[in-house]
């Protein structure tokens, strides 16, 4: 009876791990789309300032920002800070998208360990579950299932070893 329950437990764990693993490429895709959308938005918002920079500072937004900061008017100084914030945001999104031009495992590692926190939080908050049936999703699902099953087997083997060692000590003490 325990063998049957054990097998069903492994099947259930494998199914859960596979479904979770299938979500990985979908999460990466949604993250990339979100970064791209924010990049497009900030690019559109910067366009009027870029046009002004093209006209008066040879296209340099940095020089335009400095002109604003050197202005005697507080409103223009604050506007310079706002433009700089947009420029930094655009550069951040461009760098993030450029770094995502890699294989799926590299993308996952990048998002997990150095992804844009704001974009990760937005993606997770508005994440839509899907079961894509493409090669990346199937491979990620199979890998997740295999990892969970191997870890489960190792954990149970350690538990059996420890319980066997404890039982042996108990028997040895009671025999003395």
C-alpha atoms as a PDB file:
ATOM      1  CA  UNK A   1       0.000   0.000   0.000  1.00  0.00           C
ATOM      2  CA  UNK A   2       2.846   2.408   0.845  1.00  0.00           C
ATOM      3  CA  UNK A   3       4.495   1.719  -2.523  1.00  0.00           C
ATOM      4  CA  UNK A   4       1.306   2.726  -4.314  1.00  0.00           C
ATOM      5  CA  UNK A   5       1.001   5.955  -2.296  1.00  0.00           C
ATOM      6  CA  UNK A   6       4.678   6.681  -2.894  1.00  0.00           C
ATOM      7  CA  UNK A   7       4.275   6.253  -6.662  1.00  0.00           C
ATOM      8  CA  UNK A   8       1.202   8.485  -6.720  1.00  0.00           C
ATOM      9  CA  UNK A   9       3.037  11.093  -4.664  1.00  0.00           C
ATOM     10  CA  UNK A  10       5.855  11.087  -7.213  1.00  0.00           C
ATOM     11  CA  UNK A  11       3.384  11.385 -10.087  1.00  0.00           C
ATOM     12  CA  UNK A  12       1.630  14.324  -8.420  1.00  0.00           C
ATOM     13  CA  UNK A  13       4.974  16.018  -7.650  1.00  0.00           C
ATOM     14  CA  UNK A  14       6.130  15.493 -11.228  1.00  0.00           C
ATOM     15  CA  UNK A  15       2.910  16.982 -12.624  1.00  0.00           C
ATOM     16  CA  UNK A  16       3.075  20.016 -10.330  1.00  0.00           C
ATOM     17  CA  UNK A  17       6.748  20.570 -11.138  1.00  0.00           C
ATOM     18  CA  UNK A  18       6.077  20.221 -14.860  1.00  0.00           C
ATOM     19  CA  UNK A  19       3.235  22.746 -14.762  1.00  0.00           C
ATOM     20  CA  UNK A  20       5.407  25.158 -12.779  1.00  0.00           C
ATOM     21  CA  UNK A  21       8.330  24.616 -15.140  1.00  0.00           C
ATOM     22  CA  UNK A  22       6.149  25.275 -18.182  1.00  0.00           C
ATOM     23  CA  UNK A  23       5.424  28.728 -16.745  1.00  0.00           C
ATOM     24  CA  UNK A  24       9.100  29.745 -16.835  1.00  0.00           C
ATOM     25  CA  UNK A  25       9.325  30.629 -20.561  1.00  0.00           C
ATOM     26  CA  UNK A  26       5.961  32.386 -20.300  1.00  0.00           C
ATOM     27  CA  UNK A  27       7.199  34.462 -17.346  1.00  0.00           C
ATOM     28  CA  UNK A  28      10.363  35.381 -19.256  1.00  0.00           C
ATOM     29  CA  UNK A  29       8.279  36.357 -22.294  1.00  0.00           C
ATOM     30  CA  UNK A  30       5.967  38.552 -20.233  1.00  0.00           C
ATOM     31  CA  UNK A  31       8.955  40.186 -18.526  1.00  0.00           C
ATOM     32  CA  UNK A  32      10.585  40.971 -21.879  1.00  0.00           C
ATOM     33  CA  UNK A  33       7.355  42.398 -23.286  1.00  0.00           C
ATOM     34  CA  UNK A  34       6.905  44.571 -20.217  1.00  0.00           C
ATOM     35  CA  UNK A  35      10.452  45.954 -20.464  1.00  0.00           C
ATOM     36  CA  UNK A  36       9.950  46.585 -24.185  1.00  0.00           C
ATOM     37  CA  UNK A  37       6.654  48.403 -23.554  1.00  0.00           C
ATOM     38  CA  UNK A  38       8.230  50.630 -20.901  1.00  0.00           C
ATOM     39  CA  UNK A  39      11.159  51.346 -23.226  1.00  0.00           C
ATOM     40  CA  UNK A  40       8.781  52.377 -26.003  1.00  0.00           C
ATOM     41  CA  UNK A  41       6.846  54.599 -23.608  1.00  0.00           C
ATOM     42  CA  UNK A  42       9.905  56.395 -22.232  1.00  0.00           C
ATOM     43  CA  UNK A  43      11.269  56.800 -25.782  1.00  0.00           C
ATOM     44  CA  UNK A  44       8.027  58.490 -26.841  1.00  0.00           C
ATOM     45  CA  UNK A  45       8.108  60.696 -23.732  1.00  0.00           C
ATOM     46  CA  UNK A  46      11.715  61.716 -24.460  1.00  0.00           C
ATOM     47  CA  UNK A  47      11.105  62.482 -28.153  1.00  0.00           C
ATOM     48  CA  UNK A  48      10.142  66.168 -27.693  1.00  0.00           C
ATOM     49  CA  UNK A  49      13.246  66.713 -25.554  1.00  0.00           C
ATOM     50  CA  UNK A  50      15.391  64.869 -28.099  1.00  0.00           C
ATOM     51  CA  UNK A  51      13.986  67.144 -30.821  1.00  0.00           C
ATOM     52  CA  UNK A  52      14.922  70.192 -28.717  1.00  0.00           C
ATOM     53  CA  UNK A  53      18.387  68.715 -28.079  1.00  0.00           C
ATOM     54  CA  UNK A  54      18.805  68.097 -31.826  1.00  0.00           C
ATOM     55  CA  UNK A  55      17.930  71.722 -32.516  1.00  0.00           C
ATOM     56  CA  UNK A  56      20.005  73.425 -29.801  1.00  0.00           C
ATOM     57  CA  UNK A  57      22.697  71.081 -28.442  1.00  0.00           C
ATOM     58  CA  UNK A  58      23.738  68.962 -31.397  1.00  0.00           C
ATOM     59  CA  UNK A  59      21.501  66.106 -30.234  1.00  0.00           C
ATOM     60  CA  UNK A  60      23.001  65.802 -26.751  1.00  0.00           C
ATOM     61  CA  UNK A  61      20.409  65.250 -24.060  1.00  0.00           C
ATOM     62  CA  UNK A  62      23.162  65.595 -21.454  1.00  0.00           C
ATOM     63  CA  UNK A  63      23.884  69.135 -22.648  1.00  0.00           C
ATOM     64  CA  UNK A  64      20.157  69.930 -22.655  1.00  0.00           C
ATOM     65  CA  UNK A  65      19.921  68.687 -19.067  1.00  0.00           C
ATOM     66  CA  UNK A  66      22.866  70.903 -18.094  1.00  0.00           C
ATOM     67  CA  UNK A  67      21.233  73.928 -19.752  1.00  0.00           C
ATOM     68  CA  UNK A  68      18.139  73.296 -17.667  1.00  0.00           C
ATOM     69  CA  UNK A  69      20.149  72.902 -14.478  1.00  0.00           C
ATOM     70  CA  UNK A  70      22.108  76.110 -15.087  1.00  0.00           C
ATOM     71  CA  UNK A  71      18.921  78.064 -15.661  1.00  0.00           C
ATOM     72  CA  UNK A  72      18.024  80.700 -13.099  1.00  0.00           C
ATOM     73  CA  UNK A  73      14.484  79.374 -13.034  1.00  0.00           C
ATOM     74  CA  UNK A  74      13.718  76.651 -10.470  1.00  0.00           C
ATOM     75  CA  UNK A  75      11.076  75.124 -12.773  1.00  0.00           C
ATOM     76  CA  UNK A  76      13.648  74.623 -15.555  1.00  0.00           C
ATOM     77  CA  UNK A  77      16.154  73.169 -13.084  1.00  0.00           C
ATOM     78  CA  UNK A  78      13.526  70.662 -11.926  1.00  0.00           C
ATOM     79  CA  UNK A  79      12.685  69.915 -15.545  1.00  0.00           C
ATOM     80  CA  UNK A  80      16.345  69.055 -16.106  1.00  0.00           C
ATOM     81  CA  UNK A  81      16.112  66.491 -13.290  1.00  0.00           C
ATOM     82  CA  UNK A  82      12.951  65.048 -14.835  1.00  0.00           C
ATOM     83  CA  UNK A  83      14.617  64.706 -18.237  1.00  0.00           C
ATOM     84  CA  UNK A  84      17.640  63.048 -16.645  1.00  0.00           C
ATOM     85  CA  UNK A  85      15.376  60.553 -14.864  1.00  0.00           C
ATOM     86  CA  UNK A  86      13.745  59.649 -18.174  1.00  0.00           C
ATOM     87  CA  UNK A  87      17.134  59.287 -19.898  1.00  0.00           C
ATOM     88  CA  UNK A  88      18.407  56.982 -17.144  1.00  0.00           C
ATOM     89  CA  UNK A  89      15.210  54.947 -17.311  1.00  0.00           C
ATOM     90  CA  UNK A  90      15.551  54.579 -21.089  1.00  0.00           C
ATOM     91  CA  UNK A  91      19.169  53.472 -20.772  1.00  0.00           C
ATOM     92  CA  UNK A  92      18.194  50.975 -18.057  1.00  0.00           C
ATOM     93  CA  UNK A  93      15.521  49.387 -20.252  1.00  0.00           C
ATOM     94  CA  UNK A  94      17.788  49.311 -23.301  1.00  0.00           C
ATOM     95  CA  UNK A  95      20.502  47.554 -21.306  1.00  0.00           C
ATOM     96  CA  UNK A  96      18.006  45.073 -19.888  1.00  0.00           C
ATOM     97  CA  UNK A  97      16.606  44.194 -23.320  1.00  0.00           C
ATOM     98  CA  UNK A  98      20.095  43.877 -24.792  1.00  0.00           C
ATOM     99  CA  UNK A  99      21.089  41.474 -22.005  1.00  0.00           C
ATOM    100  CA  UNK A 100      17.999  39.373 -22.723  1.00  0.00           C
ATOM    101  CA  UNK A 101      19.270  38.451 -26.198  1.00  0.00           C
ATOM    102  CA  UNK A 102      20.359  35.022 -24.990  1.00  0.00           C
ATOM    103  CA  UNK A 103      19.165  31.469 -24.467  1.00  0.00           C
ATOM    104  CA  UNK A 104      16.297  30.714 -22.102  1.00  0.00           C
ATOM    105  CA  UNK A 105      18.478  29.465 -19.205  1.00  0.00           C
ATOM    106  CA  UNK A 106      20.601  32.636 -19.395  1.00  0.00           C
ATOM    107  CA  UNK A 107      17.476  34.803 -19.454  1.00  0.00           C
ATOM    108  CA  UNK A 108      16.034  33.001 -16.417  1.00  0.00           C
ATOM    109  CA  UNK A 109      19.311  33.377 -14.522  1.00  0.00           C
ATOM    110  CA  UNK A 110      19.505  37.053 -15.475  1.00  0.00           C
ATOM    111  CA  UNK A 111      15.966  37.831 -14.382  1.00  0.00           C
ATOM    112  CA  UNK A 112      16.374  35.886 -11.144  1.00  0.00           C
ATOM    113  CA  UNK A 113      19.662  37.450 -10.107  1.00  0.00           C
ATOM    114  CA  UNK A 114      19.941  40.835 -11.802  1.00  0.00           C
ATOM    115  CA  UNK A 115      16.614  41.600 -13.407  1.00  0.00           C
ATOM    116  CA  UNK A 116      15.006  44.998 -13.105  1.00  0.00           C
ATOM    117  CA  UNK A 117      13.175  44.849  -9.767  1.00  0.00           C
ATOM    118  CA  UNK A 118      10.401  47.190 -10.906  1.00  0.00           C
ATOM    119  CA  UNK A 119       9.761  45.065 -14.012  1.00  0.00           C
ATOM    120  CA  UNK A 120       9.884  41.800 -12.056  1.00  0.00           C
ATOM    121  CA  UNK A 121       7.340  43.105  -9.544  1.00  0.00           C
ATOM    122  CA  UNK A 122       5.025  44.366 -12.310  1.00  0.00           C
ATOM    123  CA  UNK A 123       5.330  41.101 -14.221  1.00  0.00           C
ATOM    124  CA  UNK A 124       4.526  39.007 -11.167  1.00  0.00           C
ATOM    125  CA  UNK A 125       1.650  41.279 -10.154  1.00  0.00           C
ATOM    126  CA  UNK A 126       0.027  41.103 -13.589  1.00  0.00           C
ATOM    127  CA  UNK A 127       1.207  37.643 -14.594  1.00  0.00           C
ATOM    128  CA  UNK A 128      -1.203  35.616 -16.695  1.00  0.00           C
ATOM    129  CA  UNK A 129      -0.818  31.866 -16.502  1.00  0.00           C
ATOM    130  CA  UNK A 130      -0.700  29.975 -19.752  1.00  0.00           C
ATOM    131  CA  UNK A 131       0.306  26.536 -20.866  1.00  0.00           C
ATOM    132  CA  UNK A 132       2.348  27.199 -23.987  1.00  0.00           C
ATOM    133  CA  UNK A 133       3.198  24.083 -25.917  1.00  0.00           C
ATOM    134  CA  UNK A 134       6.479  25.075 -27.417  1.00  0.00           C
ATOM    135  CA  UNK A 135       9.880  23.478 -27.113  1.00  0.00           C
ATOM    136  CA  UNK A 136      11.180  25.850 -24.417  1.00  0.00           C
ATOM    137  CA  UNK A 137       8.103  25.324 -22.234  1.00  0.00           C
ATOM    138  CA  UNK A 138       8.210  21.555 -22.567  1.00  0.00           C
ATOM    139  CA  UNK A 139      11.932  21.418 -21.827  1.00  0.00           C
ATOM    140  CA  UNK A 140      11.565  23.715 -18.817  1.00  0.00           C
ATOM    141  CA  UNK A 141       8.659  21.633 -17.524  1.00  0.00           C
ATOM    142  CA  UNK A 142      10.536  18.371 -17.983  1.00  0.00           C
ATOM    143  CA  UNK A 143      13.627  19.810 -16.293  1.00  0.00           C
ATOM    144  CA  UNK A 144      11.585  21.062 -13.332  1.00  0.00           C
ATOM    145  CA  UNK A 145       9.889  17.678 -12.974  1.00  0.00           C
ATOM    146  CA  UNK A 146      13.204  15.819 -13.156  1.00  0.00           C
ATOM    147  CA  UNK A 147      14.836  18.105 -10.589  1.00  0.00           C
ATOM    148  CA  UNK A 148      11.922  17.789  -8.156  1.00  0.00           C
ATOM    149  CA  UNK A 149      11.812  14.006  -8.539  1.00  0.00           C
ATOM    150  CA  UNK A 150      15.567  13.638  -8.002  1.00  0.00           C
ATOM    151  CA  UNK A 151      15.466  15.926  -4.961  1.00  0.00           C
ATOM    152  CA  UNK A 152      12.498  14.006  -3.560  1.00  0.00           C
ATOM    153  CA  UNK A 153      14.287  10.691  -4.053  1.00  0.00           C
ATOM    154  CA  UNK A 154      17.431  12.053  -2.387  1.00  0.00           C
ATOM    155  CA  UNK A 155      15.460  13.477   0.507  1.00  0.00           C
ATOM    156  CA  UNK A 156      13.623  10.201   1.051  1.00  0.00           C
ATOM    157  CA  UNK A 157      16.876   8.211   0.779  1.00  0.00           C
ATOM    158  CA  UNK A 158      18.450  10.421   3.444  1.00  0.00           C
ATOM    159  CA  UNK A 159      15.354  10.018   5.612  1.00  0.00           C
ATOM    160  CA  UNK A 160      15.479   6.222   5.226  1.00  0.00           C
ATOM    161  CA  UNK A 161      19.201   6.177   6.058  1.00  0.00           C
ATOM    162  CA  UNK A 162      18.750   8.375   9.141  1.00  0.00           C
ATOM    163  CA  UNK A 163      15.751   6.403  10.394  1.00  0.00           C
ATOM    164  CA  UNK A 164      17.661   3.142   9.815  1.00  0.00           C
ATOM    165  CA  UNK A 165      20.670   4.447  11.726  1.00  0.00           C
ATOM    166  CA  UNK A 166      18.441   5.606  14.584  1.00  0.00           C
ATOM    167  CA  UNK A 167      16.657   2.251  14.713  1.00  0.00           C
ATOM    168  CA  UNK A 168      20.012   0.426  14.715  1.00  0.00           C
ATOM    169  CA  UNK A 169      21.225   2.518  17.663  1.00  0.00           C
ATOM    170  CA  UNK A 170      18.006   1.901  19.539  1.00  0.00           C
ATOM    171  CA  UNK A 171      18.344  -1.869  18.959  1.00  0.00           C
ATOM    172  CA  UNK A 172      22.020  -1.837  19.992  1.00  0.00           C
ATOM    173  CA  UNK A 173      21.234   0.043  23.208  1.00  0.00           C
ATOM    174  CA  UNK A 174      18.329  -2.177  24.108  1.00  0.00           C
ATOM    175  CA  UNK A 175      20.499  -5.301  23.432  1.00  0.00           C
ATOM    176  CA  UNK A 176      23.135  -4.102  25.909  1.00  0.00           C
END
